[in-house]
Amino acid sequence: MYTKVKSLSQIEIVESLAREIWTEHYTPIIGEKQVAYMLEKFQSQQAIASQIDGGYEYFIITEVNKSIGYLSIISKVNELFLSKIYIKSTERGRGYARQAIQFVEGLAKDKGLSKIALTVNKNNLDTIKVYKKIGFKNIGSIVQDIGGGFVMDDYEMVKNI
């Protein structure tokens, strides 16, 4: 089930999920310091609220009344950008990512958009495999300076729907 984030208590749930998932998943990939920096900059309550005010939509993913992950999207010219999609490690491999992508495809169609785009860390190899398996294609590299002496070194991937 996907619940659109509208309240402060829901933002707090997303922040908590982000801290748990990012710390576990990204620390081996980008290191503890960059994870802490990115959580504060992009996934704190204030950052999430600001993103929502700027047009991003966040959804909490729940299964049997427990929060297992979240996703975030924003409409851009001719595409829906999937900014974030994260599932707790204990829930991975159960089809939730595929279901979430289907949900996002439905949102894109509802908005009259025929493409979903996302970025993924170049060293996030298991996630890249999942994206390819569900129809995303790598269209190139993108390096973004995010401040604090850190960069995001990603692949841009797209899926036509």
Protein backbone atom coordinates (compact mmCIF):
# COMPACT_ATOMS: atom_id res chain seq x y z
CA MET A 1 0.00 0.00 0.00
CA TYR A 2 1.21 3.50 -0.80
CA THR A 3 0.28 6.39 1.47
CA LYS A 4 0.95 9.91 0.25
CA VAL A 5 2.95 11.88 2.81
CA LYS A 6 1.04 14.95 3.96
CA SER A 7 1.56 15.34 7.70
CA LEU A 8 4.52 15.97 10.01
CA SER A 9 4.08 12.52 11.57
CA GLN A 10 4.35 10.95 8.11
CA ILE A 11 7.46 13.02 7.36
CA GLU A 12 8.93 11.70 10.63
CA ILE A 13 8.27 8.13 9.45
CA VAL A 14 10.10 8.83 6.17
CA GLU A 15 13.03 10.41 8.03
CA SER A 16 13.26 7.35 10.30
CA LEU A 17 13.09 4.94 7.36
CA ALA A 18 15.77 6.96 5.54
CA ARG A 19 18.16 6.84 8.49
CA GLU A 20 17.73 3.08 8.87
CA ILE A 21 17.91 2.18 5.18
CA TRP A 22 20.60 4.63 4.08
CA THR A 23 22.90 3.84 7.00
CA GLU A 24 22.70 0.11 6.35
CA HIS A 25 22.81 0.25 2.54
CA TYR A 26 25.01 3.21 1.63
CA THR A 27 27.70 3.23 4.32
CA PRO A 28 29.68 0.46 2.55
CA ILE A 29 29.24 2.26 -0.80
CA ILE A 30 29.92 5.93 -0.02
CA GLY A 31 31.11 5.95 3.59
CA GLU A 32 29.69 7.03 6.92
CA LYS A 33 30.50 10.75 6.54
CA GLN A 34 28.77 11.13 3.18
CA VAL A 35 25.75 9.16 4.39
CA ALA A 36 25.39 11.44 7.43
CA TYR A 37 25.81 14.55 5.25
CA MET A 38 23.23 13.37 2.69
CA LEU A 39 20.71 12.32 5.33
CA GLU A 40 20.85 15.78 6.89
CA LYS A 41 20.82 17.62 3.56
CA PHE A 42 18.18 15.53 1.74
CA GLN A 43 16.25 13.36 4.22
CA SER A 44 15.82 15.38 7.41
CA GLN A 45 12.31 16.48 8.36
CA GLN A 46 13.07 20.00 7.18
CA ALA A 47 14.54 18.81 3.85
CA ILE A 48 11.61 16.48 3.14
CA ALA A 49 9.05 19.18 3.98
CA SER A 50 10.89 21.62 1.71
CA GLN A 51 10.94 19.09 -1.14
CA ILE A 52 7.20 18.48 -0.75
CA ASP A 53 6.61 22.25 -0.83
CA GLY A 54 8.67 22.31 -4.05
CA GLY A 55 6.50 19.75 -5.83
CA TYR A 56 7.96 16.40 -4.81
CA GLU A 57 5.50 13.72 -3.77
CA TYR A 58 6.53 11.21 -1.10
CA PHE A 59 4.80 7.91 -0.46
CA ILE A 60 5.27 5.51 2.44
CA ILE A 61 5.22 1.86 1.39
CA THR A 62 3.40 -0.32 3.91
CA GLU A 63 2.73 -4.04 4.18
CA VAL A 64 0.50 -5.52 6.88
CA ASN A 65 0.34 -2.17 8.70
CA LYS A 66 4.11 -1.68 8.95
CA SER A 67 6.22 0.81 7.08
CA ILE A 68 8.74 -1.05 4.91
CA GLY A 69 10.02 1.73 2.66
CA TYR A 70 9.29 4.91 0.79
CA LEU A 71 9.55 6.59 -2.57
CA SER A 72 9.58 10.11 -3.94
CA ILE A 73 8.73 11.47 -7.39
CA ILE A 74 8.51 14.76 -9.23
CA SER A 75 7.05 15.54 -12.63
CA LYS A 76 9.46 17.06 -15.11
CA VAL A 77 9.14 17.93 -18.79
CA ASN A 78 8.10 14.71 -20.57
CA GLU A 79 9.11 12.42 -17.68
CA LEU A 80 8.44 11.41 -14.14
CA PHE A 81 11.65 11.55 -12.10
CA LEU A 82 11.87 8.81 -9.47
CA SER A 83 13.96 10.66 -6.92
CA LYS A 84 13.96 7.99 -4.22
CA ILE A 85 12.87 4.41 -3.79
CA TYR A 86 14.03 2.56 -0.71
CA ILE A 87 12.95 -0.72 0.85
CA LYS A 88 14.15 -2.03 4.24
CA SER A 89 16.81 -4.72 3.87
CA THR A 90 14.61 -7.24 5.70
CA GLU A 91 11.93 -6.79 3.02
CA ARG A 92 14.07 -6.87 -0.13
CA GLY A 93 13.72 -9.73 -2.58
CA ARG A 94 9.97 -10.01 -2.01
CA GLY A 95 8.82 -8.09 -5.08
CA TYR A 96 8.18 -4.76 -3.37
CA ALA A 97 10.51 -2.82 -5.66
CA ARG A 98 8.78 -4.22 -8.75
CA GLN A 99 5.37 -3.37 -7.26
CA ALA A 100 6.57 0.13 -6.40
CA ILE A 101 7.79 0.68 -9.96
CA GLN A 102 4.37 -0.44 -11.23
CA PHE A 103 2.78 2.09 -8.86
CA VAL A 104 5.10 4.81 -10.19
CA GLU A 105 4.27 3.80 -13.78
CA GLY A 106 0.60 4.30 -12.94
CA LEU A 107 1.34 7.76 -11.53
CA ALA A 108 3.29 8.66 -14.67
CA LYS A 109 0.43 7.53 -16.92
CA ASP A 110 -2.06 9.50 -14.79
CA LYS A 111 0.11 12.59 -15.36
CA GLY A 112 0.31 11.93 -19.12
CA LEU A 113 4.02 11.07 -18.99
CA SER A 114 5.56 8.20 -20.96
CA LYS A 115 8.97 7.90 -19.34
CA ILE A 116 10.40 7.35 -15.84
CA ALA A 117 13.94 8.56 -15.12
CA LEU A 118 16.14 7.99 -12.08
CA THR A 119 19.74 8.17 -10.95
CA VAL A 120 21.60 5.39 -9.15
CA ASN A 121 25.07 5.30 -7.61
CA LYS A 122 27.52 3.60 -9.97
CA ASN A 123 28.65 1.25 -7.19
CA ASN A 124 25.12 0.25 -6.20
CA LEU A 125 25.47 -2.88 -8.34
CA ASP A 126 22.60 -4.99 -6.97
CA THR A 127 20.15 -2.12 -7.40
CA ILE A 128 21.36 -1.47 -10.95
CA LYS A 129 20.69 -5.14 -11.76
CA VAL A 130 17.15 -4.82 -10.38
CA TYR A 131 16.47 -1.70 -12.45
CA LYS A 132 17.74 -3.40 -15.62
CA LYS A 133 15.63 -6.48 -14.90
CA ILE A 134 12.46 -4.37 -14.70
CA GLY A 135 13.14 -2.49 -17.90
CA PHE A 136 15.36 0.51 -17.14
CA LYS A 137 18.21 1.35 -19.50
CA ASN A 138 21.45 3.11 -18.57
CA ILE A 139 21.75 6.27 -20.65
CA GLY A 140 24.96 7.67 -19.20
CA SER A 141 26.89 9.03 -16.27
CA ILE A 142 26.07 12.06 -14.18
CA VAL A 143 28.30 13.55 -11.46
CA GLN A 144 26.71 16.13 -9.16
CA ASP A 145 28.51 18.23 -6.57
CA ILE A 146 26.28 18.16 -3.48
CA GLY A 147 28.47 20.33 -1.27
CA GLY A 148 30.46 19.44 1.81
CA GLY A 149 33.24 18.09 -0.40
CA PHE A 150 30.96 15.28 -1.68
CA VAL A 151 29.67 14.29 -5.10
CA MET A 152 27.03 11.89 -6.29
CA ASP A 153 28.61 9.71 -8.98
CA ASP A 154 25.59 8.12 -10.66
CA TYR A 155 24.18 6.51 -13.75
CA GLU A 156 21.04 7.98 -15.25
CA MET A 157 18.52 5.32 -16.15
CA VAL A 158 15.20 5.57 -18.00
CA LYS A 159 12.23 3.37 -18.69
CA ASN A 160 9.69 4.10 -21.38
CA ILE A 161 6.15 3.14 -20.43
